[in-house]
Protein backbone atom coordinates (compact mmCIF):
# COMPACT_ATOMS: atom_id res chain seq x y z
CA MET A 1 134.03 99.68 -1.09
CA PRO A 2 135.15 96.99 1.38
CA TYR A 3 138.78 97.18 2.52
CA ARG A 4 140.97 94.14 1.86
CA ALA A 5 144.22 93.73 3.78
CA PRO A 6 147.27 93.54 1.47
CA LEU A 7 148.49 90.23 2.86
CA SER A 8 150.46 89.35 -0.27
CA ASP A 9 152.62 92.45 0.18
CA PHE A 10 153.21 91.69 3.85
CA ARG A 11 154.14 88.11 3.09
CA LEU A 12 156.64 89.23 0.46
CA LEU A 13 158.17 91.99 2.58
CA LEU A 14 158.38 90.04 5.85
CA SER A 15 161.03 87.95 4.14
CA PRO A 16 164.66 88.44 3.12
CA VAL A 17 163.51 91.54 1.18
CA THR A 18 163.56 93.51 4.46
CA GLY A 19 165.75 91.14 6.48
CA PHE A 20 162.86 89.92 8.64
CA PRO A 21 163.99 86.24 8.88
CA ALA A 22 167.06 87.35 10.86
CA LEU A 23 164.79 88.13 13.81
CA ALA A 24 163.91 84.48 14.37
CA LYS A 25 167.62 83.75 14.75
CA THR A 26 167.84 85.98 17.83
CA ALA A 27 167.00 84.82 21.34
CA LEU A 28 164.48 87.62 21.83
CA PHE A 29 162.39 86.81 18.78
CA ALA A 30 163.05 83.09 18.34
CA GLU A 31 159.30 82.44 18.25
CA ALA A 32 158.71 84.81 15.31
CA THR A 33 158.40 81.93 12.89
CA PRO A 34 156.69 82.15 9.49
CA ASP A 35 153.73 80.14 10.80
CA LEU A 36 153.19 82.46 13.75
CA THR A 37 153.58 85.56 11.61
CA GLU A 38 151.08 84.24 9.07
CA ALA A 39 148.56 83.45 11.80
CA ILE A 40 148.90 86.92 13.32
CA LEU A 41 148.54 88.70 9.99
CA THR A 42 145.57 86.60 8.95
CA GLU A 43 143.68 87.23 12.18
CA ALA A 44 144.48 90.96 12.14
CA ALA A 45 143.27 91.16 8.55
CA ARG A 46 139.99 89.52 9.52
CA LEU A 47 139.46 91.99 12.37
CA SER A 48 140.35 94.98 10.21
CA GLU A 49 138.14 93.98 7.31
CA ALA A 50 135.07 92.76 9.17
CA THR A 51 134.96 94.80 12.37
CA LEU A 52 136.94 98.02 11.93
CA ALA A 53 136.40 98.98 8.28
CA PRO A 54 132.62 99.44 8.68
CA LEU A 55 133.36 102.11 11.31
CA GLN A 56 135.36 104.31 8.93
CA ARG A 57 132.39 106.22 7.51
CA VAL A 58 130.49 106.10 10.81
CA GLY A 59 133.22 108.05 12.60
CA ASP A 60 133.23 110.69 9.87
CA LYS A 61 129.46 111.18 9.87
CA HIS A 62 129.06 110.97 13.66
CA PRO A 63 132.10 112.73 15.17
CA ALA A 64 133.14 112.43 18.79
CA ARG A 65 131.46 115.11 20.87
CA LEU A 66 131.71 116.65 24.34
CA GLU A 67 128.51 116.57 26.40
CA ASN A 68 128.54 118.12 29.87
CA GLY A 69 132.25 117.40 30.23
CA VAL A 70 131.94 113.81 29.00
CA VAL A 71 133.38 112.63 25.68
CA ARG A 72 130.89 110.62 23.63
CA THR A 73 132.45 108.53 20.89
CA ALA A 74 131.01 107.52 17.52
CA PRO A 75 128.50 104.64 17.36
CA GLY A 76 130.28 101.31 17.23
CA PHE A 77 133.66 102.65 18.34
CA ALA A 78 133.34 101.16 21.82
CA GLU A 79 132.64 97.72 20.36
CA GLY A 80 135.45 98.11 17.84
CA TYR A 81 137.93 99.09 20.55
CA ARG A 82 136.87 96.18 22.74
CA ALA A 83 137.47 93.81 19.83
CA ILE A 84 140.99 95.22 19.46
CA ALA A 85 141.64 94.88 23.19
CA ALA A 86 140.13 91.39 23.44
CA GLY A 87 142.42 90.13 20.70
CA GLY A 88 145.49 91.34 22.58
CA TRP A 89 146.35 93.77 19.79
CA VAL A 90 147.09 96.71 22.09
CA GLY A 91 149.97 94.81 23.70
CA MET A 92 151.33 93.12 20.56
CA ALA A 93 154.90 94.29 21.01
CA ALA A 94 154.81 94.73 24.79
CA SER A 95 156.88 92.59 27.10
CA PRO A 96 155.28 89.29 28.22
CA GLU A 97 156.39 90.23 31.74
CA HIS A 98 153.29 92.39 32.05
CA GLY A 99 150.98 90.48 29.71
CA GLY A 100 152.18 91.52 26.25
CA MET A 101 152.68 89.25 23.24
CA GLY A 102 156.34 90.19 22.79
CA LEU A 103 155.97 90.29 19.00
CA PRO A 104 158.49 92.09 16.79
CA ILE A 105 157.72 95.71 15.99
CA ALA A 106 157.78 94.65 12.33
CA VAL A 107 154.72 92.45 12.82
CA ALA A 108 153.02 95.09 14.94
CA THR A 109 153.67 97.67 12.22
CA ALA A 110 151.95 95.50 9.62
CA VAL A 111 148.98 94.99 11.94
CA ASN A 112 148.75 98.68 12.78
CA GLU A 113 148.82 99.57 9.09
CA MET A 114 145.83 97.30 8.44
CA MET A 115 143.89 98.75 11.36
CA ALA A 116 144.68 102.33 10.32
CA ALA A 117 143.58 101.60 6.75
CA ALA A 118 140.33 100.19 8.09
CA CYS A 119 139.56 103.04 10.50
CA LEU A 120 142.30 105.55 11.32
CA SER A 121 140.20 107.49 13.83
CA LEU A 122 139.79 104.44 16.06
CA GLN A 123 143.26 102.96 15.48
CA LEU A 124 144.82 106.11 16.92
CA CYS A 125 143.61 105.13 20.39
CA PRO A 126 145.51 101.81 20.75
CA MET A 127 148.50 103.23 18.85
CA LEU A 128 149.01 105.95 21.45
CA THR A 129 148.62 103.42 24.23
CA GLN A 130 151.32 101.28 22.60
CA GLY A 131 153.67 104.25 22.64
CA GLN A 132 152.95 104.90 26.30
CA ILE A 133 153.59 101.24 27.11
CA GLU A 134 157.03 101.45 25.52
CA ALA A 135 157.87 104.68 27.35
CA LEU A 136 156.88 103.15 30.70
CA GLU A 137 158.79 99.94 30.00
CA HIS A 138 161.97 101.96 29.44
CA HIS A 139 161.65 104.75 32.00
CA ALA A 140 159.05 104.16 34.73
CA SER A 141 159.66 102.94 38.25
CA ALA A 142 158.90 99.34 39.16
CA GLU A 143 155.80 100.51 41.05
CA ILE A 144 154.38 102.42 38.09
CA LYS A 145 155.13 99.52 35.76
CA ALA A 146 153.38 97.04 38.01
CA LEU A 147 150.27 99.21 38.34
CA TYR A 148 149.85 100.65 34.85
CA LEU A 149 151.39 98.25 32.33
CA PRO A 150 149.02 95.28 32.80
CA LYS A 151 145.98 97.57 32.45
CA LEU A 152 147.36 99.39 29.41
CA ILE A 153 148.51 96.18 27.70
CA SER A 154 145.12 94.53 28.19
CA GLY A 155 143.37 97.61 26.81
CA GLU A 156 141.41 98.08 30.04
CA TRP A 157 143.05 101.51 30.31
CA ALA A 158 144.14 103.83 27.48
CA GLY A 159 147.17 106.11 27.26
CA THR A 160 147.92 109.53 25.76
CA MET A 161 150.86 111.89 25.49
CA ASN A 162 150.62 115.58 26.37
CA LEU A 163 153.30 117.80 24.83
CA THR A 164 151.82 120.73 22.94
CA GLU A 165 150.57 123.94 24.54
CA PRO A 166 149.03 127.02 22.88
CA GLN A 167 152.40 128.82 22.92
CA ALA A 168 154.65 125.74 22.69
CA GLY A 169 154.31 123.56 19.61
CA SER A 170 157.49 122.13 18.12
CA ASP A 171 159.39 124.32 20.59
CA VAL A 172 158.47 122.05 23.50
CA GLY A 173 160.98 123.82 25.74
CA ALA A 174 158.64 126.85 25.86
CA LEU A 175 156.00 124.93 27.83
CA ARG A 176 154.49 126.50 30.94
CA THR A 177 152.82 123.52 32.62
CA ARG A 178 154.28 123.17 36.10
CA ALA A 179 154.54 120.36 38.63
CA GLU A 180 154.79 121.12 42.35
CA PRO A 181 156.13 118.37 44.67
CA ARG A 182 153.77 117.55 47.52
CA GLY A 183 156.34 115.79 49.67
CA ASP A 184 154.57 112.42 49.53
CA GLY A 185 155.95 111.22 46.21
CA THR A 186 153.18 112.87 44.18
CA TYR A 187 153.12 116.15 42.28
CA ALA A 188 150.44 118.75 41.63
CA VAL A 189 150.36 119.29 37.86
CA THR A 190 148.86 122.53 36.54
CA GLY A 191 148.61 123.75 32.96
CA GLN A 192 146.86 123.40 29.65
CA LYS A 193 147.70 121.05 26.78
CA ILE A 194 146.24 121.10 23.28
CA TYR A 195 145.93 118.63 20.39
CA ILE A 196 145.65 115.67 22.77
CA THR A 197 144.53 112.77 20.60
CA TRP A 198 142.00 110.57 22.38
CA GLY A 199 142.27 112.80 25.44
CA ASP A 200 139.24 110.97 26.81
CA ASN A 201 136.75 108.30 25.83
CA ASP A 202 133.65 106.55 27.10
CA PHE A 203 134.82 102.94 26.79
CA THR A 204 137.95 102.43 28.92
CA ALA A 205 137.94 102.39 32.71
CA ASN A 206 140.75 104.95 32.85
CA VAL A 207 142.76 107.26 30.61
CA CYS A 208 146.41 107.69 31.56
CA HIS A 209 148.10 110.91 30.50
CA LEU A 210 151.87 111.28 30.18
CA VAL A 211 152.37 115.00 30.74
CA LEU A 212 155.47 117.12 30.23
CA ALA A 213 155.86 119.77 32.94
CA ARG A 214 158.50 121.85 34.66
CA LEU A 215 159.50 121.50 38.33
CA PRO A 216 160.29 124.52 40.50
CA GLY A 217 163.81 125.79 39.86
CA ALA A 218 164.26 123.62 36.76
CA PRO A 219 166.54 124.91 33.99
CA ALA A 220 164.91 126.81 31.15
CA GLY A 221 164.27 125.11 27.84
CA PRO A 222 164.06 121.40 27.05
CA ARG A 223 166.69 120.48 29.67
CA GLY A 224 164.35 121.48 32.49
CA ILE A 225 161.39 119.31 31.53
CA SER A 226 160.17 116.30 33.50
CA LEU A 227 157.54 113.69 32.66
CA PHE A 228 154.57 112.76 34.83
CA MET A 229 151.88 110.09 34.82
CA VAL A 230 148.58 111.84 35.44
CA PRO A 231 145.59 109.44 35.28
CA ARG A 232 142.02 110.60 34.73
CA ASN A 233 140.99 108.53 37.73
CA ILE A 234 143.41 108.14 40.62
CA PRO A 235 143.99 104.43 41.32
CA ASP A 236 142.92 103.30 44.78
CA ALA A 237 144.88 100.98 47.09
CA ALA A 238 143.77 97.97 45.06
CA GLY A 239 144.80 99.57 41.76
CA ALA A 240 141.23 100.18 40.58
CA PRO A 241 140.35 103.59 39.11
CA GLY A 242 139.05 105.69 41.98
CA ALA A 243 138.32 109.40 42.39
CA HIS A 244 138.34 111.66 39.35
CA ASN A 245 141.59 113.61 39.15
CA ALA A 246 141.72 117.42 38.95
CA LEU A 247 141.74 117.47 35.16
CA LYS A 248 139.13 117.91 32.46
CA VAL A 249 138.52 118.09 28.75
CA VAL A 250 137.89 121.77 28.03
CA SER A 251 136.84 121.26 24.42
CA LEU A 252 137.27 119.06 21.36
CA GLU A 253 138.91 120.46 18.25
CA HIS A 254 136.90 120.90 15.05
CA LYS A 255 139.19 119.27 12.51
CA LEU A 256 139.64 118.76 8.79
CA GLY A 257 139.50 114.98 9.22
CA ILE A 258 139.69 112.03 11.66
CA HIS A 259 136.38 113.24 13.06
CA GLY A 260 135.81 110.06 15.02
CA SER A 261 138.98 110.67 17.05
CA PRO A 262 138.45 113.17 19.90
CA THR A 263 141.31 115.70 19.87
CA ALA A 264 141.10 117.42 23.24
CA VAL A 265 142.16 120.59 24.96
CA MET A 266 143.16 119.31 28.40
CA GLN A 267 143.19 121.40 31.56
CA TYR A 268 145.15 120.30 34.66
CA ASP A 269 144.39 122.14 37.90
CA GLY A 270 146.70 120.71 40.53
CA ALA A 271 146.08 117.20 39.21
CA THR A 272 147.87 114.39 41.01
CA GLY A 273 150.78 112.99 39.07
CA TRP A 274 153.78 110.71 39.54
CA LEU A 275 157.25 111.28 38.13
CA VAL A 276 158.26 109.01 35.25
CA GLY A 277 161.99 108.69 34.78
CA GLU A 278 164.52 111.14 36.16
CA VAL A 279 163.98 114.77 37.11
CA ASN A 280 164.58 117.08 34.11
CA LYS A 281 164.92 114.06 31.80
CA GLY A 282 161.37 114.11 30.57
CA MET A 283 162.20 114.74 26.93
CA ALA A 284 164.32 111.59 26.74
CA ALA A 285 161.43 109.54 28.10
CA MET A 286 158.87 111.23 25.86
CA PHE A 287 161.05 110.72 22.79
CA THR A 288 160.78 106.97 23.39
CA MET A 289 157.05 107.33 22.92
CA MET A 290 157.40 109.79 20.04
CA ASN A 291 159.81 107.59 18.08
CA ASN A 292 157.39 104.69 18.45
CA ALA A 293 154.62 106.97 17.21
CA ARG A 294 156.66 108.29 14.27
CA LEU A 295 156.99 104.85 12.73
CA GLY A 296 153.34 104.26 13.55
CA VAL A 297 152.34 107.46 11.75
CA GLY A 298 154.32 106.42 8.68
CA ALA A 299 152.37 103.15 8.68
CA GLN A 300 149.13 105.10 9.06
CA GLY A 301 149.98 107.03 5.91
CA VAL A 302 150.63 103.78 4.05
CA GLY A 303 147.38 102.30 5.33
CA LEU A 304 145.28 105.25 4.19
CA ALA A 305 147.09 105.21 0.84
CA GLU A 306 146.25 101.52 0.43
CA ALA A 307 142.59 102.11 1.23
CA ALA A 308 142.38 105.10 -1.14
CA LEU A 309 144.06 103.10 -3.88
CA GLN A 310 141.69 100.18 -3.48
CA GLN A 311 138.70 102.48 -3.81
CA ALA A 312 140.20 104.23 -6.84
CA VAL A 313 140.86 100.92 -8.61
CA ALA A 314 137.31 99.74 -7.93
CA TYR A 315 135.87 102.98 -9.26
CA ALA A 316 138.09 102.91 -12.34
CA ARG A 317 136.91 99.39 -13.14
CA ASP A 318 133.24 100.35 -12.86
CA ARG A 319 133.21 103.83 -14.39
CA VAL A 320 132.61 103.68 -18.16
CA GLN A 321 133.54 106.57 -20.44
CA GLY A 322 134.09 106.48 -24.18
CA GLY A 323 132.76 102.96 -24.35
CA ALA A 324 135.31 101.50 -21.93
CA ALA A 325 136.02 101.41 -18.22
CA ILE A 326 138.37 104.27 -17.39
CA ILE A 327 140.94 101.84 -15.99
CA ALA A 328 141.87 101.27 -19.64
CA HIS A 329 142.68 104.96 -20.21
CA PRO A 330 146.46 105.58 -20.25
CA ASP A 331 146.42 108.51 -17.82
CA VAL A 332 144.23 106.65 -15.34
CA ARG A 333 146.58 103.68 -15.57
CA ARG A 334 149.50 106.07 -14.98
CA MET A 335 147.87 107.37 -11.81
CA LEU A 336 146.99 103.94 -10.49
CA ALA A 337 150.47 102.59 -11.28
CA THR A 338 152.06 105.55 -9.52
CA MET A 339 149.84 105.01 -6.50
CA ARG A 340 150.56 101.29 -6.31
CA ALA A 341 154.33 101.74 -6.71
CA ASP A 342 154.42 104.44 -4.04
CA VAL A 343 152.38 102.37 -1.58
CA PHE A 344 154.76 99.44 -1.96
CA SER A 345 157.83 101.66 -1.55
CA ALA A 346 156.50 103.33 1.59
CA ARG A 347 155.34 100.02 3.07
CA ALA A 348 158.74 98.44 2.45
CA ILE A 349 160.58 101.36 4.07
CA ALA A 350 158.32 101.24 7.14
CA LEU A 351 158.81 97.50 7.58
CA ALA A 352 162.57 97.76 7.01
CA CYS A 353 162.68 100.46 9.70
CA ALA A 354 160.70 98.20 12.04
CA VAL A 355 163.08 95.27 11.39
CA ALA A 356 166.01 97.55 12.23
CA ILE A 357 164.33 98.57 15.50
CA ASP A 358 163.77 94.92 16.35
CA MET A 359 167.32 93.94 15.50
CA ALA A 360 168.67 96.83 17.55
CA ARG A 361 166.65 95.65 20.52
CA ALA A 362 167.56 91.98 20.06
CA THR A 363 171.29 92.46 19.46
CA GLU A 364 172.09 95.86 21.01
CA ALA A 365 174.47 96.31 18.07
CA PRO A 366 175.34 99.99 17.42
CA GLU A 367 174.97 99.52 13.67
CA TRP A 368 171.36 98.39 14.03
CA GLN A 369 170.62 101.18 16.47
CA ALA A 370 172.00 103.72 14.02
CA ARG A 371 170.02 102.22 11.14
CA ALA A 372 166.79 102.28 13.11
CA ALA A 373 167.36 105.90 14.08
CA PHE A 374 168.20 106.89 10.51
CA LEU A 375 165.22 105.16 8.91
CA THR A 376 162.62 106.44 11.39
CA PRO A 377 162.26 109.99 9.99
CA ILE A 378 162.27 108.61 6.43
CA ALA A 379 159.55 106.09 7.26
CA LYS A 380 157.42 108.75 8.96
CA ALA A 381 157.82 111.50 6.37
CA PHE A 382 157.69 109.42 3.21
CA GLY A 383 154.88 107.20 4.47
CA SER A 384 152.69 110.16 5.38
CA ASP A 385 153.59 112.10 2.22
CA VAL A 386 152.65 109.08 0.14
CA GLY A 387 149.39 108.84 2.06
CA CYS A 388 148.54 112.45 1.20
CA GLU A 389 149.62 112.15 -2.43
CA VAL A 390 147.88 108.85 -3.11
CA ALA A 391 144.65 110.05 -1.50
CA GLN A 392 144.73 113.19 -3.66
CA MET A 393 145.42 111.12 -6.76
CA GLY A 394 142.54 108.89 -5.79
CA LEU A 395 140.27 111.93 -5.91
CA GLN A 396 141.57 112.66 -9.41
CA VAL A 397 140.79 109.12 -10.57
CA HIS A 398 137.23 109.62 -9.33
CA GLY A 399 136.94 112.93 -11.18
CA GLY A 400 133.94 114.96 -10.05
CA MET A 401 132.68 112.05 -7.96
CA GLY A 402 135.80 112.31 -5.84
CA PHE A 403 134.73 115.78 -4.75
CA ILE A 404 131.39 114.44 -3.55
CA GLU A 405 131.46 113.31 0.06
CA GLU A 406 129.08 110.41 -0.51
CA THR A 407 131.69 108.39 -2.39
CA GLY A 408 134.04 108.39 0.61
CA ALA A 409 137.10 109.23 -1.48
CA ALA A 410 137.37 112.70 0.02
CA GLN A 411 137.49 111.31 3.55
CA PHE A 412 140.78 109.57 2.84
CA ALA A 413 142.31 112.89 1.77
CA ARG A 414 140.94 114.69 4.82
CA ASP A 415 141.87 111.99 7.31
CA VAL A 416 145.40 111.32 6.10
CA ARG A 417 146.39 114.99 5.95
CA ILE A 418 147.19 115.10 9.66
CA THR A 419 149.85 112.39 9.35
CA SER A 420 152.34 114.73 7.70
CA ILE A 421 151.83 117.20 10.57
CA TYR A 422 151.60 115.39 13.89
CA GLU A 423 154.47 113.65 15.72
CA GLY A 424 156.75 116.29 14.20
CA THR A 425 155.99 117.86 10.82
CA ASN A 426 157.75 116.29 7.87
CA GLY A 427 160.06 119.28 7.63
CA ILE A 428 161.15 118.53 11.19
CA GLN A 429 161.68 114.89 10.24
CA ALA A 430 163.95 115.98 7.39
CA MET A 431 165.90 118.31 9.68
CA ASP A 432 166.29 115.47 12.18
CA LEU A 433 167.58 113.21 9.40
CA THR A 434 170.16 115.69 8.09
CA GLY A 435 171.08 117.06 11.50
CA ARG A 436 171.01 114.73 14.49
CA LYS A 437 171.01 111.52 12.41
CA MET A 438 174.09 112.65 10.48
CA MET A 439 176.21 113.47 13.49
CA ASP A 440 178.04 110.23 12.62
CA ASN A 441 179.38 111.98 9.49
CA GLY A 442 176.88 110.06 7.42
CA ASP A 443 178.09 106.57 8.35
CA ALA A 444 174.60 105.08 8.73
CA ALA A 445 173.55 106.61 5.42
CA HIS A 446 176.63 105.29 3.62
CA ARG A 447 176.08 101.77 4.97
CA LEU A 448 172.55 101.76 3.57
CA ILE A 449 173.73 103.11 0.22
CA ALA A 450 176.43 100.44 0.03
CA GLU A 451 173.78 97.75 0.58
CA ILE A 452 171.60 99.26 -2.13
CA GLN A 453 174.48 99.23 -4.60
CA SER A 454 175.37 95.68 -3.62
CA GLY A 455 171.78 94.64 -4.29
CA ALA A 456 171.87 96.36 -7.66
CA GLN A 457 175.07 94.53 -8.55
CA ALA A 458 173.46 91.21 -7.62
CA ALA A 459 170.48 91.97 -9.88
CA ARG A 460 172.57 92.90 -12.96
CA ALA A 461 172.55 89.38 -14.40
CA HIS A 462 168.73 89.24 -14.32
CA HIS A 463 167.60 92.84 -14.86
CA PRO A 464 170.63 94.79 -16.17
CA ASP A 465 168.78 97.98 -17.15
CA LEU A 466 166.92 98.33 -13.84
CA ALA A 467 170.01 97.41 -11.84
CA HIS A 468 172.08 100.00 -13.70
CA ASP A 469 169.53 102.76 -13.07
CA LEU A 470 169.32 101.90 -9.36
CA TRP A 471 173.10 101.72 -8.93
CA THR A 472 173.51 105.09 -10.67
CA ALA A 473 170.87 106.76 -8.51
CA ALA A 474 172.46 105.31 -5.37
CA GLU A 475 175.83 106.69 -6.46
CA ALA A 476 174.28 110.13 -6.88
CA LEU A 477 172.80 109.75 -3.39
CA ARG A 478 176.22 108.79 -2.02
CA GLU A 479 177.76 111.94 -3.49
CA ALA A 480 174.87 114.07 -2.20
CA THR A 481 175.33 112.58 1.27
CA GLU A 482 178.99 113.60 1.22
CA ASP A 483 177.94 117.09 0.16
CA MET A 484 175.31 117.23 2.88
CA THR A 485 177.68 116.29 5.68
CA SER A 486 180.10 119.04 4.59
CA LEU A 487 177.48 121.79 4.85
CA ALA A 488 176.73 124.06 7.78
CA LEU A 489 173.57 123.11 9.65
CA GLN A 490 171.36 125.86 8.19
CA ASP A 491 172.48 124.91 4.68
CA ARG A 492 171.66 121.27 5.40
CA PHE A 493 168.21 122.23 6.62
CA ALA A 494 167.50 124.20 3.45
CA GLY A 495 167.89 121.02 1.40
CA ALA A 496 166.68 118.54 4.02
CA VAL A 497 163.23 117.80 2.58
CA PRO A 498 164.40 117.03 -0.97
CA TYR A 499 167.28 114.98 0.43
CA LEU A 500 164.92 112.85 2.52
CA ARG A 501 162.62 112.41 -0.45
CA GLY A 502 165.52 111.45 -2.69
CA PHE A 503 166.74 108.91 -0.15
CA ALA A 504 163.24 107.44 0.11
CA ARG A 505 162.99 107.17 -3.68
CA VAL A 506 166.26 105.22 -3.87
CA LEU A 507 165.26 102.98 -0.97
CA GLY A 508 161.86 102.35 -2.52
CA ALA A 509 163.43 101.38 -5.85
CA HIS A 510 165.83 99.09 -4.00
CA TYR A 511 162.97 97.21 -2.33
CA HIS A 512 161.02 97.03 -5.57
CA LEU A 513 163.99 95.42 -7.32
CA ALA A 514 164.58 93.04 -4.41
CA ALA A 515 160.90 92.07 -4.54
CA ALA A 516 161.14 91.42 -8.28
CA MET A 517 164.16 89.22 -7.68
CA ALA A 518 162.18 87.23 -5.11
CA ASP A 519 158.94 87.11 -7.11
CA HIS A 520 159.06 87.63 -10.87
CA SER A 521 155.42 88.73 -10.94
CA ARG A 522 156.52 91.93 -9.19
CA LEU A 523 158.74 92.98 -12.10
CA PRO A 524 156.18 95.21 -13.89
CA LEU A 525 155.70 97.29 -10.73
CA ALA A 526 159.47 97.49 -10.20
CA ARG A 527 159.78 98.93 -13.71
CA ILE A 528 157.30 101.67 -12.78
CA ALA A 529 159.23 102.55 -9.63
CA ILE A 530 162.64 102.57 -11.32
CA ARG A 531 161.88 103.94 -14.78
CA ARG A 532 159.17 106.46 -13.93
CA GLN A 533 159.83 107.47 -10.30
CA LEU A 534 163.55 107.04 -9.71
CA PRO A 535 164.51 109.78 -12.21
CA GLU A 536 163.06 112.29 -9.73
CA VAL A 537 166.17 111.76 -7.61
CA THR A 538 168.35 113.88 -9.92
CA GLY A 539 166.16 116.94 -9.46
CA LEU A 540 165.67 116.36 -5.75
CA LEU A 541 169.37 116.09 -4.97
CA ALA A 542 170.16 119.14 -7.10
CA GLN A 543 168.23 121.21 -4.55
CA ILE A 544 170.88 120.53 -1.91
CA LYS A 545 173.66 122.48 -3.58
CA PRO A 546 172.30 126.05 -3.20
CA GLY A 547 172.24 125.74 0.58
CA ALA A 548 170.30 128.44 2.41
CA ALA A 549 171.78 131.49 0.65
CA ASP A 550 169.04 132.01 -1.94
CA LEU A 551 166.32 131.51 0.69
CA SER A 552 167.98 133.96 3.07
CA ALA A 553 168.31 136.51 0.30
CA LEU A 554 164.54 136.77 0.03
CA SER A 555 163.03 139.52 2.15
CA ASP A 556 159.72 139.14 3.95
CA ALA A 557 158.30 141.52 1.35
CA ASP A 558 159.47 139.21 -1.43
CA LEU A 559 157.56 136.36 0.14
CA ALA A 560 154.45 138.45 0.71
CA ALA A 561 154.37 140.11 -2.72
């Protein structure tokens, strides 16, 4: 069925519900007025619905392929990408200094969600370029910025990030790719990288790879890694793409989903590269790109969930059983209500995270920086988990027809599955949340919980039962946070995933109640989130208390039996 952008949700959430109006009061985002935001969202919705959504099935049926060393993309993808680039959507949040729109990340997140819902395989290409733009803006030399940023922002060139190797996945410090200085300011980069999304294409003039590699004599582990810009075509004196660099696509992965997106094995054989950032500080620069991508991946999960939900609702309205459309059946209504409530929760968390990132950038206030850092793993993990769960539930609404590829419902489940894996698995996100993001003794977490309880108090006069349930769940989360910060790291990690999920549930209920306070028509959905979903928090937080002892007590044989 045709995709329709959820503009009503965006309009409601880009409001005091997520704190978005505060951005227009800052010097950096003074132009982010309601009129501008509405115009941007409306135009992005039109592009997503009319131009990108028709490519969703095309990319699945006609995957990217490698022919004689050249990547050939799905029919229509080149035209779809050019429409994205022509509209300035690649450089939405980039600095105007190099041709970007300078929009808030919150607006860009809403736009990226729509584009991902329409066609995730294609949207991955500009999303990765956006991450590279941010990394270069923060860490590259003036010369690299001047050469690469205008081309990346315009969409004339595309960008990738190269971290993973066959023996070095999440343990990036185990990489073997090396960079040898040539004495002229360039480096010879040699090694192999895998899982490189959009490692090449046939519609941009150049593909610019950010590659992690180790210099001679560098320390072992992550502290000895540097970052290099290694373009497919070496720019000539005028900045135009010239000779082909000493790199190639060895193969394209055969994947469960996102078939239209070429996932490459890249080989570098003394390829010419330029250092980005400081020597041995490559991980810091790459994390700028990865953090951008983590929020983006959360939004991808929400987008796929929205698209799967829309198709499930349409099917439920049309499918007649027992003399009535199945949308009238209580269990089907339960599934659809669960899906809709989860999509709203995940969307609200992603946009609240984006607002925090924007406020941190605009004010440089430590509290906003801490909030942005804390919400990022929640937005990524919960958004992608919701994507997977909603897509699976969509299959269930379809019944046997969901298992048939022709309906398209199965593609959502196949495509969205990667989002809980790439840019750091969701287990890693949870460990990041309970480890690095709680090195402040839980201060950022406690500030959020205090706001949630304050919001619940404000809602008591209007919705006393819902406000009471939210306040009580937030109090349980506060106590669990105190418990978590008192645990040893391994014990924290053992309960990290349920803790993150519990936090997301409370946040989601908070935004549902705030939305109901702003728009009374949202009250029925808030009741679903608070009465049916929020009770999960008790069981989730109970999983923190055992620590790692019971898991450690299991032998390998116990797990294999």
